[in-house]
Amino acid sequence: MHTMNRRSFLMGGAAVSALLSDSRWLSADPLGLPIGCQTYPVRKSIRSDFAGTMKGLRAAGFTQIELCSPYGYEEFSSLQQYKPQELRRILADWGLGCISAHWAAEELFQKADQSIAYAKEFGMTQMAIAALGPWSPRTTETADDVKRFVEPFNVFAEKAHAVGIVALLHNEGFVSEYIDGKPVYDMMIAELNPATTKLQFQVSTKQQGYDAVTYFQKYASRFISMHCQDWVKDSSTKSGFRQVPLGKGVVDWKAVFTAARTSGVKNYFVELEEDPALMPQSVPYLRSLNI
């Protein structure tokens, strides 16, 4: 969620009105699931114009969003003015569902009870964390560190599970690194309690060697969510990649969604941080993708 350079973009009606004339958008989308959007890329415009930003996403064709915690993510702190049920009702009035959010480590490990209570009152069924361990690894971490990072997440997950909420591990930061050539993600999955935790795949980690299709097939039933990015190679960028709307880049989305369906993925969220204006442009492709 946080690895790339981003620029703010106010997602208003004018930004997407030109896209709405295409009636093909009313057709089915892959997996028959709501087309979702992670809100982290539009966090700046959420602060300045929450209503306009959300209405713009809905006008673009998104019907599901994934939030970030108003208490753990400073850019979302303006949403603290709403009680959880009130915020859910406001989103529903704008035609947006929300069953999931990302949370800071401190919220899940030091303030688990109040964070779970907020999610429960809101009506969420999923609580995700972007990474376990350091966001910028030192490359000196060991297999013992992996277990140490996973243990508190299992503790939190058990508490969440007790009230009907699924804990989700997202694979960025240290999670997408390697120790002695072994993928940390697999090491963490082995330590997670499958009875209380599920997984959310970050498609862009293919750039680090983590392929969505491979993981959906290898760990069938462990994944229920994914963040969707697409990109092209671009030597002029620091990373060597440049994000583009879904369907315009290197990702074989037909293969990804086919494997996602087999694995039991229940929700997916477009997340294009480099330029949030690319997110509405991804909807027509998703509408036309038949699996």
Protein backbone atom coordinates (compact mmCIF):
# COMPACT_ATOMS: atom_id res chain seq x y z
CA MET A 1 0.00 0.00 0.00
CA HIS A 2 2.78 2.47 0.68
CA THR A 3 5.77 1.58 -1.45
CA MET A 4 5.57 3.95 -4.41
CA ASN A 5 5.75 7.68 -5.06
CA ARG A 6 2.26 9.11 -5.16
CA ARG A 7 0.67 12.36 -6.15
CA SER A 8 -2.61 13.59 -4.79
CA PHE A 9 -5.68 13.66 -6.98
CA LEU A 10 -9.09 14.99 -6.08
CA MET A 11 -11.48 12.31 -7.24
CA GLY A 12 -14.58 14.35 -8.03
CA GLY A 13 -17.49 13.97 -10.41
CA ALA A 14 -15.75 15.96 -13.14
CA ALA A 15 -12.84 13.55 -13.15
CA VAL A 16 -15.03 10.62 -14.04
CA SER A 17 -18.11 12.03 -15.75
CA ALA A 18 -16.68 11.39 -19.19
CA LEU A 19 -16.33 7.72 -18.35
CA LEU A 20 -19.98 7.19 -17.52
CA SER A 21 -21.36 7.36 -21.04
CA ASP A 22 -20.30 3.79 -21.82
CA SER A 23 -23.29 1.54 -21.13
CA ARG A 24 -21.05 -1.54 -21.18
CA TRP A 25 -20.11 -0.65 -17.59
CA LEU A 26 -23.45 -2.01 -16.52
CA SER A 27 -22.46 -5.54 -17.51
CA ALA A 28 -21.02 -8.19 -15.20
CA ASP A 29 -17.57 -7.95 -13.69
CA PRO A 30 -15.09 -10.78 -12.92
CA LEU A 31 -16.15 -13.20 -10.18
CA GLY A 32 -19.52 -11.47 -9.94
CA LEU A 33 -18.17 -9.45 -7.01
CA PRO A 34 -18.47 -5.72 -6.30
CA ILE A 35 -15.70 -3.72 -7.95
CA GLY A 36 -13.69 -2.46 -5.02
CA CYS A 37 -11.26 0.37 -4.43
CA GLN A 38 -8.64 0.84 -1.71
CA THR A 39 -8.91 4.40 -0.42
CA TYR A 40 -5.25 4.92 0.56
CA PRO A 41 -4.38 6.41 -2.86
CA VAL A 42 -7.03 9.14 -2.38
CA ARG A 43 -6.21 9.84 1.27
CA LYS A 44 -5.30 13.49 0.61
CA SER A 45 -8.57 14.24 -1.11
CA ILE A 46 -10.46 12.37 1.62
CA ARG A 47 -9.06 14.91 4.07
CA SER A 48 -10.04 17.91 1.92
CA ASP A 49 -13.31 16.65 0.40
CA PHE A 50 -14.50 13.33 1.80
CA ALA A 51 -17.98 13.52 0.24
CA GLY A 52 -16.71 14.54 -3.19
CA THR A 53 -14.05 11.85 -3.17
CA MET A 54 -16.43 9.06 -2.24
CA LYS A 55 -19.11 10.21 -4.67
CA GLY A 56 -16.48 10.35 -7.40
CA LEU A 57 -15.44 6.76 -6.72
CA ARG A 58 -19.06 5.65 -6.82
CA ALA A 59 -19.68 7.55 -10.06
CA ALA A 60 -16.66 5.80 -11.57
CA GLY A 61 -18.28 2.41 -10.93
CA PHE A 62 -16.82 1.34 -7.60
CA THR A 63 -19.40 -0.07 -5.20
CA GLN A 64 -17.08 -1.33 -2.45
CA ILE A 65 -14.25 0.47 -0.69
CA GLU A 66 -11.58 -0.56 1.75
CA LEU A 67 -10.79 2.09 4.35
CA CYS A 68 -7.75 2.76 6.49
CA SER A 69 -8.26 3.24 10.22
CA PRO A 70 -9.07 6.84 11.21
CA TYR A 71 -6.99 6.32 14.35
CA GLY A 72 -3.99 4.48 12.96
CA TYR A 73 -3.58 6.34 9.67
CA GLU A 74 -3.08 10.07 10.19
CA GLU A 75 -4.36 10.93 6.70
CA PHE A 76 -7.75 9.43 7.66
CA SER A 77 -8.01 11.15 11.05
CA SER A 78 -10.75 13.50 9.81
CA LEU A 79 -13.08 10.48 9.84
CA GLN A 80 -12.80 10.35 13.63
CA GLN A 81 -15.65 12.87 13.72
CA TYR A 82 -18.05 10.06 12.77
CA LYS A 83 -19.14 7.21 14.98
CA PRO A 84 -18.57 3.84 13.24
CA GLN A 85 -22.23 3.15 12.46
CA GLU A 86 -22.69 6.73 11.28
CA LEU A 87 -19.76 6.45 8.89
CA ARG A 88 -21.08 3.18 7.50
CA ARG A 89 -24.53 4.75 6.93
CA ILE A 90 -23.00 7.75 5.17
CA LEU A 91 -21.08 5.48 2.82
CA ALA A 92 -24.18 3.38 2.21
CA ASP A 93 -26.14 6.53 1.34
CA TRP A 94 -23.53 7.21 -1.33
CA GLY A 95 -23.89 3.67 -2.64
CA LEU A 96 -20.66 2.31 -1.17
CA GLY A 97 -20.23 -0.83 0.92
CA CYS A 98 -17.29 -1.30 3.26
CA ILE A 99 -16.44 -4.58 4.97
CA SER A 100 -12.71 -4.12 5.36
CA ALA A 101 -10.03 -1.70 6.55
CA HIS A 102 -6.28 -1.58 7.07
CA TRP A 103 -4.95 -0.96 10.57
CA ALA A 104 -1.65 0.08 12.10
CA ALA A 105 0.35 -2.49 14.07
CA GLU A 106 -0.09 -0.58 17.34
CA GLU A 107 -3.87 -0.70 16.93
CA LEU A 108 -3.91 -4.46 16.53
CA PHE A 109 -1.23 -5.39 19.05
CA GLN A 110 -1.53 -2.73 21.78
CA LYS A 111 -5.13 -1.60 21.32
CA ALA A 112 -6.75 -4.72 19.95
CA ASP A 113 -9.93 -4.59 22.00
CA GLN A 114 -10.91 -1.04 21.04
CA SER A 115 -9.91 -1.54 17.40
CA ILE A 116 -11.97 -4.70 17.15
CA ALA A 117 -14.88 -2.93 18.86
CA TYR A 118 -14.74 -0.13 16.28
CA ALA A 119 -14.70 -2.60 13.38
CA LYS A 120 -17.52 -4.63 14.89
CA GLU A 121 -19.70 -1.58 15.48
CA PHE A 122 -19.01 -0.40 11.94
CA GLY A 123 -20.02 -3.79 10.58
CA MET A 124 -16.69 -4.83 9.12
CA THR A 125 -15.87 -8.49 8.69
CA GLN A 126 -12.17 -8.11 7.79
CA MET A 127 -9.28 -6.33 9.53
CA ALA A 128 -6.04 -6.18 7.57
CA ILE A 129 -2.46 -5.19 8.25
CA ALA A 130 -0.18 -4.10 5.42
CA ALA A 131 2.93 -5.84 6.73
CA LEU A 132 4.45 -7.65 9.69
CA GLY A 133 7.95 -6.72 10.69
CA PRO A 134 9.87 -3.67 9.43
CA TRP A 135 8.58 -1.71 6.47
CA SER A 136 12.17 -1.27 5.26
CA PRO A 137 13.96 -4.49 6.25
CA ARG A 138 17.64 -4.41 7.22
CA THR A 139 18.17 -7.76 5.43
CA THR A 140 19.59 -9.11 8.70
CA GLU A 141 16.29 -10.60 9.89
CA THR A 142 16.17 -14.34 10.59
CA ALA A 143 13.60 -17.13 10.60
CA ASP A 144 13.23 -16.57 14.35
CA ASP A 145 12.31 -12.95 13.62
CA VAL A 146 9.56 -14.18 11.30
CA LYS A 147 8.01 -16.19 14.12
CA ARG A 148 8.39 -13.23 16.49
CA PHE A 149 6.55 -10.93 14.08
CA VAL A 150 3.73 -13.40 13.41
CA GLU A 151 3.01 -14.33 17.03
CA PRO A 152 1.21 -11.11 18.07
CA PHE A 153 -0.83 -11.20 14.87
CA ASN A 154 -2.09 -14.67 15.76
CA VAL A 155 -3.04 -13.36 19.21
CA PHE A 156 -4.97 -10.48 17.68
CA ALA A 157 -6.58 -12.78 15.10
CA GLU A 158 -7.97 -15.02 17.82
CA LYS A 159 -9.65 -12.05 19.50
CA ALA A 160 -11.09 -10.85 16.21
CA HIS A 161 -12.28 -14.33 15.28
CA ALA A 162 -14.22 -14.54 18.55
CA VAL A 163 -16.51 -11.72 17.36
CA GLY A 164 -16.79 -12.87 13.75
CA ILE A 165 -14.02 -10.79 12.18
CA VAL A 166 -11.29 -12.27 9.98
CA ALA A 167 -7.69 -11.06 10.38
CA LEU A 168 -5.96 -10.47 7.03
CA LEU A 169 -2.23 -10.42 6.34
CA HIS A 170 -1.25 -8.28 3.37
CA ASN A 171 2.16 -8.91 1.80
CA GLU A 172 4.28 -5.79 1.66
CA GLY A 173 7.40 -4.62 3.43
CA PHE A 174 9.26 -7.42 5.17
CA VAL A 175 6.55 -9.91 4.17
CA SER A 176 7.69 -9.78 0.53
CA GLU A 177 11.40 -10.19 1.33
CA TYR A 178 13.57 -13.33 1.32
CA ILE A 179 15.75 -14.97 3.97
CA ASP A 180 18.54 -17.19 2.64
CA GLY A 181 16.66 -17.39 -0.64
CA LYS A 182 13.42 -18.49 1.04
CA PRO A 183 10.31 -16.32 0.64
CA VAL A 184 9.31 -14.71 3.94
CA TYR A 185 5.65 -14.80 2.88
CA ASP A 186 5.64 -18.61 2.83
CA MET A 187 7.41 -18.69 6.18
CA MET A 188 4.74 -16.43 7.67
CA ILE A 189 1.86 -18.37 6.13
CA ALA A 190 3.24 -21.50 7.79
CA GLU A 191 3.14 -19.73 11.18
CA LEU A 192 -0.33 -18.21 10.80
CA ASN A 193 -3.30 -19.96 12.35
CA PRO A 194 -5.52 -20.89 9.36
CA ALA A 195 -8.57 -21.11 11.62
CA THR A 196 -8.47 -17.40 12.45
CA THR A 197 -6.46 -15.72 9.67
CA LYS A 198 -6.76 -15.23 5.93
CA LEU A 199 -4.56 -13.57 3.33
CA GLN A 200 -4.82 -10.52 1.08
CA PHE A 201 -2.53 -10.59 -1.95
CA GLN A 202 -0.76 -7.49 -3.27
CA VAL A 203 -0.55 -8.19 -7.01
CA SER A 204 2.34 -5.74 -7.52
CA THR A 205 4.64 -7.94 -5.41
CA LYS A 206 5.17 -9.89 -8.62
CA GLN A 207 7.91 -7.32 -9.07
CA GLN A 208 9.64 -9.01 -6.11
CA GLY A 209 8.97 -12.51 -7.43
CA TYR A 210 5.59 -13.18 -5.80
CA ASP A 211 3.09 -14.28 -8.44
CA ALA A 212 -0.62 -14.08 -7.58
CA VAL A 213 -1.60 -17.12 -9.65
CA THR A 214 1.09 -19.25 -8.02
CA TYR A 215 0.04 -18.26 -4.52
CA PHE A 216 -3.69 -18.63 -5.12
CA GLN A 217 -3.04 -22.15 -6.39
CA LYS A 218 -0.49 -23.09 -3.73
CA TYR A 219 -2.57 -21.85 -0.81
CA ALA A 220 -6.10 -22.53 -1.97
CA SER A 221 -8.71 -21.38 0.57
CA ARG A 222 -6.20 -19.23 2.48
CA PHE A 223 -6.79 -16.11 0.35
CA ILE A 224 -10.02 -14.11 0.46
CA SER A 225 -8.88 -10.69 -0.80
CA MET A 226 -6.47 -8.94 -3.14
CA HIS A 227 -5.18 -5.49 -4.08
CA CYS A 228 -4.97 -4.99 -7.83
CA GLN A 229 -2.21 -3.08 -9.59
CA ASP A 230 -0.99 -3.14 -13.17
CA TRP A 231 2.22 -1.73 -14.60
CA VAL A 232 4.67 -1.55 -17.47
CA LYS A 233 8.45 -1.54 -17.37
CA ASP A 234 9.85 1.98 -17.42
CA SER A 235 13.59 2.51 -17.05
CA SER A 236 13.08 6.21 -16.36
CA THR A 237 11.55 5.47 -12.96
CA LYS A 238 13.43 4.63 -9.77
CA SER A 239 11.65 1.29 -9.44
CA GLY A 240 11.91 0.42 -13.12
CA PHE A 241 8.11 0.16 -13.32
CA ARG A 242 5.23 2.57 -13.96
CA GLN A 243 1.64 1.94 -12.96
CA VAL A 244 -1.09 1.92 -15.60
CA PRO A 245 -4.85 1.22 -15.51
CA LEU A 246 -5.78 -2.44 -15.08
CA GLY A 247 -5.67 -4.23 -18.41
CA LYS A 248 -3.10 -1.85 -19.88
CA GLY A 249 -0.02 -3.49 -18.36
CA VAL A 250 1.81 -6.78 -17.94
CA VAL A 251 -0.61 -8.60 -15.63
CA ASP A 252 -2.62 -11.49 -17.07
CA TRP A 253 -5.85 -10.63 -15.27
CA LYS A 254 -7.82 -13.51 -16.77
CA ALA A 255 -5.34 -15.93 -15.18
CA VAL A 256 -5.29 -13.99 -11.90
CA PHE A 257 -9.06 -13.88 -11.50
CA THR A 258 -9.44 -17.51 -12.58
CA ALA A 259 -6.99 -18.57 -9.88
CA ALA A 260 -8.60 -16.17 -7.40
CA ARG A 261 -11.98 -17.78 -7.91
CA THR A 262 -10.50 -21.24 -7.37
CA SER A 263 -8.80 -20.05 -4.20
CA GLY A 264 -11.98 -18.53 -2.80
CA VAL A 265 -11.19 -14.81 -3.06
CA LYS A 266 -14.26 -12.87 -1.91
CA ASN A 267 -13.25 -9.27 -2.56
CA TYR A 268 -10.74 -7.28 -4.55
CA PHE A 269 -9.68 -3.65 -4.49
CA VAL A 270 -8.10 -1.56 -7.24
CA GLU A 271 -5.15 0.34 -5.76
CA LEU A 272 -3.06 2.56 -8.01
CA GLU A 273 -1.09 4.92 -5.81
CA GLU A 274 1.18 6.52 -8.37
CA ASP A 275 -1.80 8.27 -9.96
CA PRO A 276 -5.27 7.75 -8.42
CA ALA A 277 -6.82 9.03 -11.66
CA LEU A 278 -5.88 5.66 -13.14
CA MET A 279 -8.27 3.87 -10.80
CA PRO A 280 -11.55 4.95 -12.48
CA GLN A 281 -9.95 4.12 -15.83
CA SER A 282 -9.60 0.52 -14.63
CA VAL A 283 -13.33 -0.03 -14.20
CA PRO A 284 -14.29 -0.47 -17.89
CA TYR A 285 -11.73 -3.24 -18.22
CA LEU A 286 -13.03 -5.02 -15.12
CA ARG A 287 -16.59 -4.70 -16.41
CA SER A 288 -15.60 -6.35 -19.68
CA LEU A 289 -13.50 -9.15 -18.18
CA ASN A 290 -15.32 -12.46 -18.32
CA ILE A 291 -13.91 -15.38 -16.35
